[in-house]
All heavy atoms as atom14 arrays in JSON, in Angstrom:
{
  "sequence": "LSCGASGSILSINIMGWYRQAPGKERTSVANITKGGSTKY",
  "atom14_mask": [
    [1, 1, 1, 1, 1, 1, 1, 1, 0, 0, 0, 0, 0, 0],
    [1, 1, 1, 1, 1, 1, 0, 0, 0, 0, 0, 0, 0, 0],
    [1, 1, 1, 1, 1, 1, 0, 0, 0, 0, 0, 0, 0, 0],
    [1, 1, 1, 1, 0, 0, 0, 0, 0, 0, 0, 0, 0, 0],
    [1, 1, 1, 1, 1, 0, 0, 0, 0, 0, 0, 0, 0, 0],
    [1, 1, 1, 1, 1, 1, 0, 0, 0, 0, 0, 0, 0, 0],
    [1, 1, 1, 1, 0, 0, 0, 0, 0, 0, 0, 0, 0, 0],
    [1, 1, 1, 1, 1, 1, 0, 0, 0, 0, 0, 0, 0, 0],
    [1, 1, 1, 1, 1, 1, 1, 1, 0, 0, 0, 0, 0, 0],
    [1, 1, 1, 1, 1, 1, 1, 1, 0, 0, 0, 0, 0, 0],
    [1, 1, 1, 1, 1, 1, 0, 0, 0, 0, 0, 0, 0, 0],
    [1, 1, 1, 1, 1, 1, 1, 1, 0, 0, 0, 0, 0, 0],
    [1, 1, 1, 1, 1, 1, 1, 1, 0, 0, 0, 0, 0, 0],
    [1, 1, 1, 1, 1, 1, 1, 1, 0, 0, 0, 0, 0, 0],
    [1, 1, 1, 1, 1, 1, 1, 1, 0, 0, 0, 0, 0, 0],
    [1, 1, 1, 1, 0, 0, 0, 0, 0, 0, 0, 0, 0, 0],
    [1, 1, 1, 1, 1, 1, 1, 1, 1, 1, 1, 1, 1, 1],
    [1, 1, 1, 1, 1, 1, 1, 1, 1, 1, 1, 1, 0, 0],
    [1, 1, 1, 1, 1, 1, 1, 1, 1, 1, 1, 0, 0, 0],
    [1, 1, 1, 1, 1, 1, 1, 1, 1, 0, 0, 0, 0, 0],
    [1, 1, 1, 1, 1, 0, 0, 0, 0, 0, 0, 0, 0, 0],
    [1, 1, 1, 1, 1, 1, 1, 0, 0, 0, 0, 0, 0, 0],
    [1, 1, 1, 1, 0, 0, 0, 0, 0, 0, 0, 0, 0, 0],
    [1, 1, 1, 1, 1, 1, 1, 1, 1, 0, 0, 0, 0, 0],
    [1, 1, 1, 1, 1, 1, 1, 1, 1, 0, 0, 0, 0, 0],
    [1, 1, 1, 1, 1, 1, 1, 1, 1, 1, 1, 0, 0, 0],
    [1, 1, 1, 1, 1, 1, 1, 0, 0, 0, 0, 0, 0, 0],
    [1, 1, 1, 1, 1, 1, 0, 0, 0, 0, 0, 0, 0, 0],
    [1, 1, 1, 1, 1, 1, 1, 0, 0, 0, 0, 0, 0, 0],
    [1, 1, 1, 1, 1, 0, 0, 0, 0, 0, 0, 0, 0, 0],
    [1, 1, 1, 1, 1, 1, 1, 1, 0, 0, 0, 0, 0, 0],
    [1, 1, 1, 1, 1, 1, 1, 1, 0, 0, 0, 0, 0, 0],
    [1, 1, 1, 1, 1, 1, 1, 0, 0, 0, 0, 0, 0, 0],
    [1, 1, 1, 1, 1, 1, 1, 1, 1, 0, 0, 0, 0, 0],
    [1, 1, 1, 1, 0, 0, 0, 0, 0, 0, 0, 0, 0, 0],
    [1, 1, 1, 1, 0, 0, 0, 0, 0, 0, 0, 0, 0, 0],
    [1, 1, 1, 1, 1, 1, 0, 0, 0, 0, 0, 0, 0, 0],
    [1, 1, 1, 1, 1, 1, 1, 0, 0, 0, 0, 0, 0, 0],
    [1, 1, 1, 1, 1, 1, 1, 1, 1, 0, 0, 0, 0, 0],
    [1, 1, 1, 1, 1, 1, 1, 1, 1, 1, 1, 1, 0, 0]
  ],
  "atom14_positions": [
    [[172.58, 105.95, 107.89], [172.58, 106.35, 109.28], [171.41, 107.28, 109.55], [171.02, 108.06, 108.68], [173.88, 107.07, 109.64], [175.19, 106.34, 109.33], [176.37, 107.19, 109.82], [175.21, 104.97, 109.95], [0.0, 0.0, 0.0], [0.0, 0.0, 0.0], [0.0, 0.0, 0.0], [0.0, 0.0, 0.0], [0.0, 0.0, 0.0], [0.0, 0.0, 0.0]],
    [[170.88, 107.2, 110.76], [169.81, 108.09, 111.17], [170.13, 108.71, 112.52], [170.84, 108.11, 113.33], [168.48, 107.33, 111.27], [168.09, 106.82, 110.02], [0.0, 0.0, 0.0], [0.0, 0.0, 0.0], [0.0, 0.0, 0.0], [0.0, 0.0, 0.0], [0.0, 0.0, 0.0], [0.0, 0.0, 0.0], [0.0, 0.0, 0.0], [0.0, 0.0, 0.0]],
    [[169.63, 109.91, 112.74], [169.83, 110.61, 114.0], [168.53, 111.28, 114.38], [168.01, 112.12, 113.63], [170.94, 111.63, 113.87], [171.11, 112.73, 115.29], [0.0, 0.0, 0.0], [0.0, 0.0, 0.0], [0.0, 0.0, 0.0], [0.0, 0.0, 0.0], [0.0, 0.0, 0.0], [0.0, 0.0, 0.0], [0.0, 0.0, 0.0], [0.0, 0.0, 0.0]],
    [[168.01, 110.93, 115.55], [166.8, 111.56, 116.06], [167.13, 112.58, 117.12], [167.98, 112.33, 117.98], [0.0, 0.0, 0.0], [0.0, 0.0, 0.0], [0.0, 0.0, 0.0], [0.0, 0.0, 0.0], [0.0, 0.0, 0.0], [0.0, 0.0, 0.0], [0.0, 0.0, 0.0], [0.0, 0.0, 0.0], [0.0, 0.0, 0.0], [0.0, 0.0, 0.0]],
    [[166.47, 113.72, 117.05], [166.7, 114.79, 118.02], [165.49, 114.94, 118.92], [164.34, 114.81, 118.49], [166.98, 116.11, 117.29], [0.0, 0.0, 0.0], [0.0, 0.0, 0.0], [0.0, 0.0, 0.0], [0.0, 0.0, 0.0], [0.0, 0.0, 0.0], [0.0, 0.0, 0.0], [0.0, 0.0, 0.0], [0.0, 0.0, 0.0], [0.0, 0.0, 0.0]],
    [[165.76, 115.26, 120.18], [164.69, 115.54, 121.14], [165.15, 116.65, 122.06], [166.33, 117.0, 122.09], [164.32, 114.29, 121.94], [165.44, 113.81, 122.66], [0.0, 0.0, 0.0], [0.0, 0.0, 0.0], [0.0, 0.0, 0.0], [0.0, 0.0, 0.0], [0.0, 0.0, 0.0], [0.0, 0.0, 0.0], [0.0, 0.0, 0.0], [0.0, 0.0, 0.0]],
    [[164.22, 117.22, 122.82], [164.55, 118.33, 123.69], [164.18, 119.65, 123.04], [163.09, 119.78, 122.49], [0.0, 0.0, 0.0], [0.0, 0.0, 0.0], [0.0, 0.0, 0.0], [0.0, 0.0, 0.0], [0.0, 0.0, 0.0], [0.0, 0.0, 0.0], [0.0, 0.0, 0.0], [0.0, 0.0, 0.0], [0.0, 0.0, 0.0], [0.0, 0.0, 0.0]],
    [[165.09, 120.6, 123.08], [164.82, 121.95, 122.55], [164.98, 121.96, 121.03], [165.81, 122.7, 120.48], [165.76, 122.96, 123.19], [165.61, 122.97, 124.59], [0.0, 0.0, 0.0], [0.0, 0.0, 0.0], [0.0, 0.0, 0.0], [0.0, 0.0, 0.0], [0.0, 0.0, 0.0], [0.0, 0.0, 0.0], [0.0, 0.0, 0.0], [0.0, 0.0, 0.0]],
    [[164.17, 121.19, 120.36], [164.35, 120.98, 118.92], [164.0, 122.21, 118.1], [164.5, 122.37, 116.99], [163.54, 119.77, 118.45], [162.07, 119.94, 118.82], [164.12, 118.48, 119.01], [161.18, 118.85, 118.32], [0.0, 0.0, 0.0], [0.0, 0.0, 0.0], [0.0, 0.0, 0.0], [0.0, 0.0, 0.0], [0.0, 0.0, 0.0], [0.0, 0.0, 0.0]],
    [[163.16, 123.08, 118.61], [162.81, 124.29, 117.85], [164.01, 125.21, 117.69], [164.02, 126.07, 116.81], [161.67, 125.03, 118.54], [160.33, 124.3, 118.57], [159.28, 125.15, 119.29], [159.85, 123.97, 117.15], [0.0, 0.0, 0.0], [0.0, 0.0, 0.0], [0.0, 0.0, 0.0], [0.0, 0.0, 0.0], [0.0, 0.0, 0.0], [0.0, 0.0, 0.0]],
    [[165.03, 125.04, 118.54], [166.24, 125.87, 118.47], [167.25, 125.37, 117.45], [168.26, 126.01, 117.21], [166.9, 125.92, 119.85], [166.02, 126.41, 120.83], [0.0, 0.0, 0.0], [0.0, 0.0, 0.0], [0.0, 0.0, 0.0], [0.0, 0.0, 0.0], [0.0, 0.0, 0.0], [0.0, 0.0, 0.0], [0.0, 0.0, 0.0], [0.0, 0.0, 0.0]],
    [[166.99, 124.21, 116.88], [167.97, 123.59, 115.98], [167.78, 124.12, 114.56], [166.7, 124.03, 114.0], [167.84, 122.06, 115.97], [168.08, 121.49, 117.37], [168.82, 121.46, 114.97], [167.83, 120.0, 117.45], [0.0, 0.0, 0.0], [0.0, 0.0, 0.0], [0.0, 0.0, 0.0], [0.0, 0.0, 0.0], [0.0, 0.0, 0.0], [0.0, 0.0, 0.0]],
    [[168.87, 124.65, 113.98], [168.85, 124.99, 112.56], [169.68, 123.97, 111.78], [169.17, 123.21, 110.98], [169.39, 126.4, 112.33], [169.43, 126.76, 110.86], [168.73, 126.17, 110.03], [170.26, 127.72, 110.5], [0.0, 0.0, 0.0], [0.0, 0.0, 0.0], [0.0, 0.0, 0.0], [0.0, 0.0, 0.0], [0.0, 0.0, 0.0], [0.0, 0.0, 0.0]],
    [[170.97, 123.94, 112.08], [171.86, 123.02, 111.37], [171.97, 121.7, 112.12], [172.11, 121.67, 113.34], [173.26, 123.64, 111.22], [173.18, 124.91, 110.36], [174.22, 122.65, 110.62], [174.48, 125.68, 110.3], [0.0, 0.0, 0.0], [0.0, 0.0, 0.0], [0.0, 0.0, 0.0], [0.0, 0.0, 0.0], [0.0, 0.0, 0.0], [0.0, 0.0, 0.0]],
    [[171.91, 120.6, 111.36], [172.24, 119.27, 111.88], [173.26, 118.66, 110.94], [173.22, 118.89, 109.73], [170.99, 118.39, 111.99], [169.99, 118.86, 113.02], [168.61, 117.72, 113.22], [169.41, 116.36, 114.09], [0.0, 0.0, 0.0], [0.0, 0.0, 0.0], [0.0, 0.0, 0.0], [0.0, 0.0, 0.0], [0.0, 0.0, 0.0], [0.0, 0.0, 0.0]],
    [[174.14, 117.88, 111.52], [175.17, 117.33, 110.66], [175.76, 116.04, 111.19], [175.41, 115.56, 112.26], [0.0, 0.0, 0.0], [0.0, 0.0, 0.0], [0.0, 0.0, 0.0], [0.0, 0.0, 0.0], [0.0, 0.0, 0.0], [0.0, 0.0, 0.0], [0.0, 0.0, 0.0], [0.0, 0.0, 0.0], [0.0, 0.0, 0.0], [0.0, 0.0, 0.0]],
    [[176.67, 115.51, 110.38], [177.39, 114.3, 110.73], [178.9, 114.59, 110.71], [179.4, 115.25, 109.79], [177.08, 113.18, 109.73], [175.69, 112.66, 109.83], [174.6, 113.08, 109.12], [175.23, 111.64, 110.71], [173.49, 112.38, 109.5], [173.84, 111.48, 110.47], [175.84, 110.83, 111.66], [173.07, 110.55, 111.15], [175.07, 109.9, 112.34], [173.7, 109.76, 112.09]],
    [[179.57, 114.08, 111.72], [181.02, 114.09, 111.79], [181.47, 112.64, 111.9], [180.69, 111.74, 112.21], [181.49, 114.85, 113.04], [181.43, 116.35, 112.94], [180.21, 117.02, 112.88], [182.59, 117.12, 112.94], [180.15, 118.4, 112.79], [182.54, 118.51, 112.87], [181.32, 119.13, 112.79], [181.27, 120.5, 112.71], [0.0, 0.0, 0.0], [0.0, 0.0, 0.0]],
    [[182.75, 112.43, 111.66], [183.31, 111.1, 111.86], [184.71, 111.2, 112.43], [185.42, 112.19, 112.23], [183.31, 110.29, 110.57], [184.24, 110.8, 109.48], [184.04, 109.99, 108.19], [184.91, 110.42, 107.11], [184.84, 109.96, 105.86], [183.92, 109.04, 105.55], [185.67, 110.39, 104.94], [0.0, 0.0, 0.0], [0.0, 0.0, 0.0], [0.0, 0.0, 0.0]],
    [[185.07, 110.15, 113.16], [186.4, 110.08, 113.76], [186.95, 108.68, 113.56], [186.41, 107.71, 114.11], [186.35, 110.44, 115.24], [187.71, 110.55, 115.88], [187.65, 111.21, 117.24], [186.58, 111.29, 117.87], [188.76, 111.71, 117.72], [0.0, 0.0, 0.0], [0.0, 0.0, 0.0], [0.0, 0.0, 0.0], [0.0, 0.0, 0.0], [0.0, 0.0, 0.0]],
    [[188.01, 108.6, 112.77], [188.7, 107.33, 112.56], [189.71, 107.12, 113.68], [190.15, 108.09, 114.32], [189.38, 107.34, 111.2], [0.0, 0.0, 0.0], [0.0, 0.0, 0.0], [0.0, 0.0, 0.0], [0.0, 0.0, 0.0], [0.0, 0.0, 0.0], [0.0, 0.0, 0.0], [0.0, 0.0, 0.0], [0.0, 0.0, 0.0], [0.0, 0.0, 0.0]],
    [[190.11, 105.87, 113.92], [191.08, 105.6, 114.99], [192.37, 106.43, 114.82], [192.95, 106.44, 113.73], [191.36, 104.11, 114.83], [190.13, 103.56, 114.2], [189.65, 104.63, 113.28], [0.0, 0.0, 0.0], [0.0, 0.0, 0.0], [0.0, 0.0, 0.0], [0.0, 0.0, 0.0], [0.0, 0.0, 0.0], [0.0, 0.0, 0.0], [0.0, 0.0, 0.0]],
    [[192.75, 107.13, 115.85], [193.97, 107.9, 115.82], [193.9, 109.21, 115.07], [194.92, 109.88, 114.86], [0.0, 0.0, 0.0], [0.0, 0.0, 0.0], [0.0, 0.0, 0.0], [0.0, 0.0, 0.0], [0.0, 0.0, 0.0], [0.0, 0.0, 0.0], [0.0, 0.0, 0.0], [0.0, 0.0, 0.0], [0.0, 0.0, 0.0], [0.0, 0.0, 0.0]],
    [[192.71, 109.59, 114.63], [192.55, 110.81, 113.85], [191.56, 111.75, 114.53], [190.81, 111.36, 115.42], [192.09, 110.48, 112.44], [193.1, 109.69, 111.63], [192.67, 109.57, 110.18], [193.72, 108.85, 109.35], [193.33, 108.74, 107.92], [0.0, 0.0, 0.0], [0.0, 0.0, 0.0], [0.0, 0.0, 0.0], [0.0, 0.0, 0.0], [0.0, 0.0, 0.0]],
    [[191.57, 113.0, 114.08], [190.65, 114.0, 114.63], [189.24, 113.79, 114.07], [189.05, 113.21, 113.0], [191.14, 115.4, 114.28], [192.45, 115.79, 114.94], [192.83, 117.24, 114.66], [192.15, 117.89, 113.83], [193.81, 117.71, 115.27], [0.0, 0.0, 0.0], [0.0, 0.0, 0.0], [0.0, 0.0, 0.0], [0.0, 0.0, 0.0], [0.0, 0.0, 0.0]],
    [[188.28, 114.32, 114.81], [186.9, 114.3, 114.34], [186.73, 115.36, 113.25], [187.15, 116.51, 113.43], [185.96, 114.58, 115.51], [184.51, 114.34, 115.2], [183.64, 114.55, 116.45], [183.99, 113.61, 117.51], [183.28, 113.49, 118.64], [182.19, 114.23, 118.81], [183.65, 112.65, 119.56], [0.0, 0.0, 0.0], [0.0, 0.0, 0.0], [0.0, 0.0, 0.0]],
    [[186.15, 114.98, 112.14], [185.99, 115.89, 111.01], [184.55, 115.9, 110.51], [183.83, 114.91, 110.66], [186.92, 115.54, 109.85], [186.65, 114.2, 109.42], [188.39, 115.63, 110.25], [0.0, 0.0, 0.0], [0.0, 0.0, 0.0], [0.0, 0.0, 0.0], [0.0, 0.0, 0.0], [0.0, 0.0, 0.0], [0.0, 0.0, 0.0], [0.0, 0.0, 0.0]],
    [[184.17, 117.0, 109.9], [182.82, 117.13, 109.37], [182.65, 116.29, 108.11], [183.53, 116.26, 107.25], [182.52, 118.6, 109.06], [181.23, 118.74, 108.5], [0.0, 0.0, 0.0], [0.0, 0.0, 0.0], [0.0, 0.0, 0.0], [0.0, 0.0, 0.0], [0.0, 0.0, 0.0], [0.0, 0.0, 0.0], [0.0, 0.0, 0.0], [0.0, 0.0, 0.0]],
    [[181.51, 115.63, 108.01], [181.18, 114.84, 106.83], [180.15, 115.59, 105.98], [180.32, 115.76, 104.78], [180.62, 113.47, 107.24], [180.15, 112.69, 106.02], [181.65, 112.69, 108.04], [0.0, 0.0, 0.0], [0.0, 0.0, 0.0], [0.0, 0.0, 0.0], [0.0, 0.0, 0.0], [0.0, 0.0, 0.0], [0.0, 0.0, 0.0], [0.0, 0.0, 0.0]],
    [[179.07, 116.02, 106.62], [178.0, 116.71, 105.89], [177.11, 117.41, 106.89], [177.03, 117.01, 108.06], [177.18, 115.73, 105.06], [0.0, 0.0, 0.0], [0.0, 0.0, 0.0], [0.0, 0.0, 0.0], [0.0, 0.0, 0.0], [0.0, 0.0, 0.0], [0.0, 0.0, 0.0], [0.0, 0.0, 0.0], [0.0, 0.0, 0.0], [0.0, 0.0, 0.0]],
    [[176.46, 118.5, 106.45], [175.44, 119.1, 107.29], [174.31, 119.65, 106.45], [174.43, 119.8, 105.22], [176.02, 120.19, 108.21], [176.63, 121.36, 107.47], [175.97, 121.98, 106.64], [177.86, 121.69, 107.79], [0.0, 0.0, 0.0], [0.0, 0.0, 0.0], [0.0, 0.0, 0.0], [0.0, 0.0, 0.0], [0.0, 0.0, 0.0], [0.0, 0.0, 0.0]],
    [[173.21, 119.93, 107.12], [172.01, 120.38, 106.43], [171.26, 121.36, 107.32], [171.16, 121.17, 108.53], [171.11, 119.18, 106.04], [169.9, 119.62, 105.22], [170.68, 118.39, 107.28], [169.15, 118.44, 104.58], [0.0, 0.0, 0.0], [0.0, 0.0, 0.0], [0.0, 0.0, 0.0], [0.0, 0.0, 0.0], [0.0, 0.0, 0.0], [0.0, 0.0, 0.0]],
    [[170.77, 122.45, 106.71], [170.0, 123.42, 107.48], [168.53, 123.0, 107.51], [168.1, 122.1, 106.77], [170.1, 124.81, 106.83], [169.43, 124.79, 105.56], [171.56, 125.22, 106.64], [0.0, 0.0, 0.0], [0.0, 0.0, 0.0], [0.0, 0.0, 0.0], [0.0, 0.0, 0.0], [0.0, 0.0, 0.0], [0.0, 0.0, 0.0], [0.0, 0.0, 0.0]],
    [[167.77, 123.7, 108.34], [166.34, 123.42, 108.42], [165.67, 123.66, 107.07], [164.7, 122.98, 106.72], [165.71, 124.29, 109.5], [164.25, 123.97, 109.78], [163.7, 124.84, 110.9], [164.26, 124.47, 112.24], [163.61, 125.19, 113.36], [0.0, 0.0, 0.0], [0.0, 0.0, 0.0], [0.0, 0.0, 0.0], [0.0, 0.0, 0.0], [0.0, 0.0, 0.0]],
    [[166.23, 124.57, 106.29], [165.69, 124.87, 104.97], [166.13, 123.92, 103.88], [165.64, 124.0, 102.75], [0.0, 0.0, 0.0], [0.0, 0.0, 0.0], [0.0, 0.0, 0.0], [0.0, 0.0, 0.0], [0.0, 0.0, 0.0], [0.0, 0.0, 0.0], [0.0, 0.0, 0.0], [0.0, 0.0, 0.0], [0.0, 0.0, 0.0], [0.0, 0.0, 0.0]],
    [[167.08, 123.03, 104.2], [167.49, 122.02, 103.24], [168.8, 122.29, 102.52], [169.2, 121.51, 101.65], [0.0, 0.0, 0.0], [0.0, 0.0, 0.0], [0.0, 0.0, 0.0], [0.0, 0.0, 0.0], [0.0, 0.0, 0.0], [0.0, 0.0, 0.0], [0.0, 0.0, 0.0], [0.0, 0.0, 0.0], [0.0, 0.0, 0.0], [0.0, 0.0, 0.0]],
    [[169.5, 123.36, 102.87], [170.81, 123.61, 102.25], [171.83, 122.63, 102.82], [171.86, 122.41, 104.02], [171.26, 125.04, 102.52], [170.37, 125.95, 101.92], [0.0, 0.0, 0.0], [0.0, 0.0, 0.0], [0.0, 0.0, 0.0], [0.0, 0.0, 0.0], [0.0, 0.0, 0.0], [0.0, 0.0, 0.0], [0.0, 0.0, 0.0], [0.0, 0.0, 0.0]],
    [[172.66, 122.08, 101.94], [173.59, 121.04, 102.36], [175.04, 121.41, 102.06], [175.32, 122.2, 101.14], [173.28, 119.72, 101.66], [173.35, 119.91, 100.24], [171.89, 119.21, 102.03], [0.0, 0.0, 0.0], [0.0, 0.0, 0.0], [0.0, 0.0, 0.0], [0.0, 0.0, 0.0], [0.0, 0.0, 0.0], [0.0, 0.0, 0.0], [0.0, 0.0, 0.0]],
    [[175.94, 120.83, 102.82], [177.38, 120.93, 102.59], [177.98, 119.57, 102.82], [177.54, 118.83, 103.71], [178.04, 121.95, 103.53], [177.71, 123.39, 103.22], [178.5, 124.33, 104.13], [178.19, 125.79, 103.81], [178.93, 126.71, 104.71], [0.0, 0.0, 0.0], [0.0, 0.0, 0.0], [0.0, 0.0, 0.0], [0.0, 0.0, 0.0], [0.0, 0.0, 0.0]],
    [[179.01, 119.24, 102.02], [179.67, 117.95, 102.12], [181.18, 118.12, 102.15], [181.74, 119.02, 101.51], [179.31, 117.07, 100.92], [177.86, 116.68, 100.83], [176.96, 117.44, 100.1], [177.4, 115.54, 101.49], [175.62, 117.09, 100.03], [176.06, 115.17, 101.41], [175.18, 115.95, 100.68], [173.86, 115.59, 100.61], [0.0, 0.0, 0.0], [0.0, 0.0, 0.0]]
  ]
}
């Protein structure tokens, strides 16, 4: 998967992915800081 950002991009530090299965809440999958630190 890919995600492109536009607009006030200089303000963005963390970017991440969430997912929502049918009938379930949206949950975090992974995120990454501008410096490259990740969480899963």
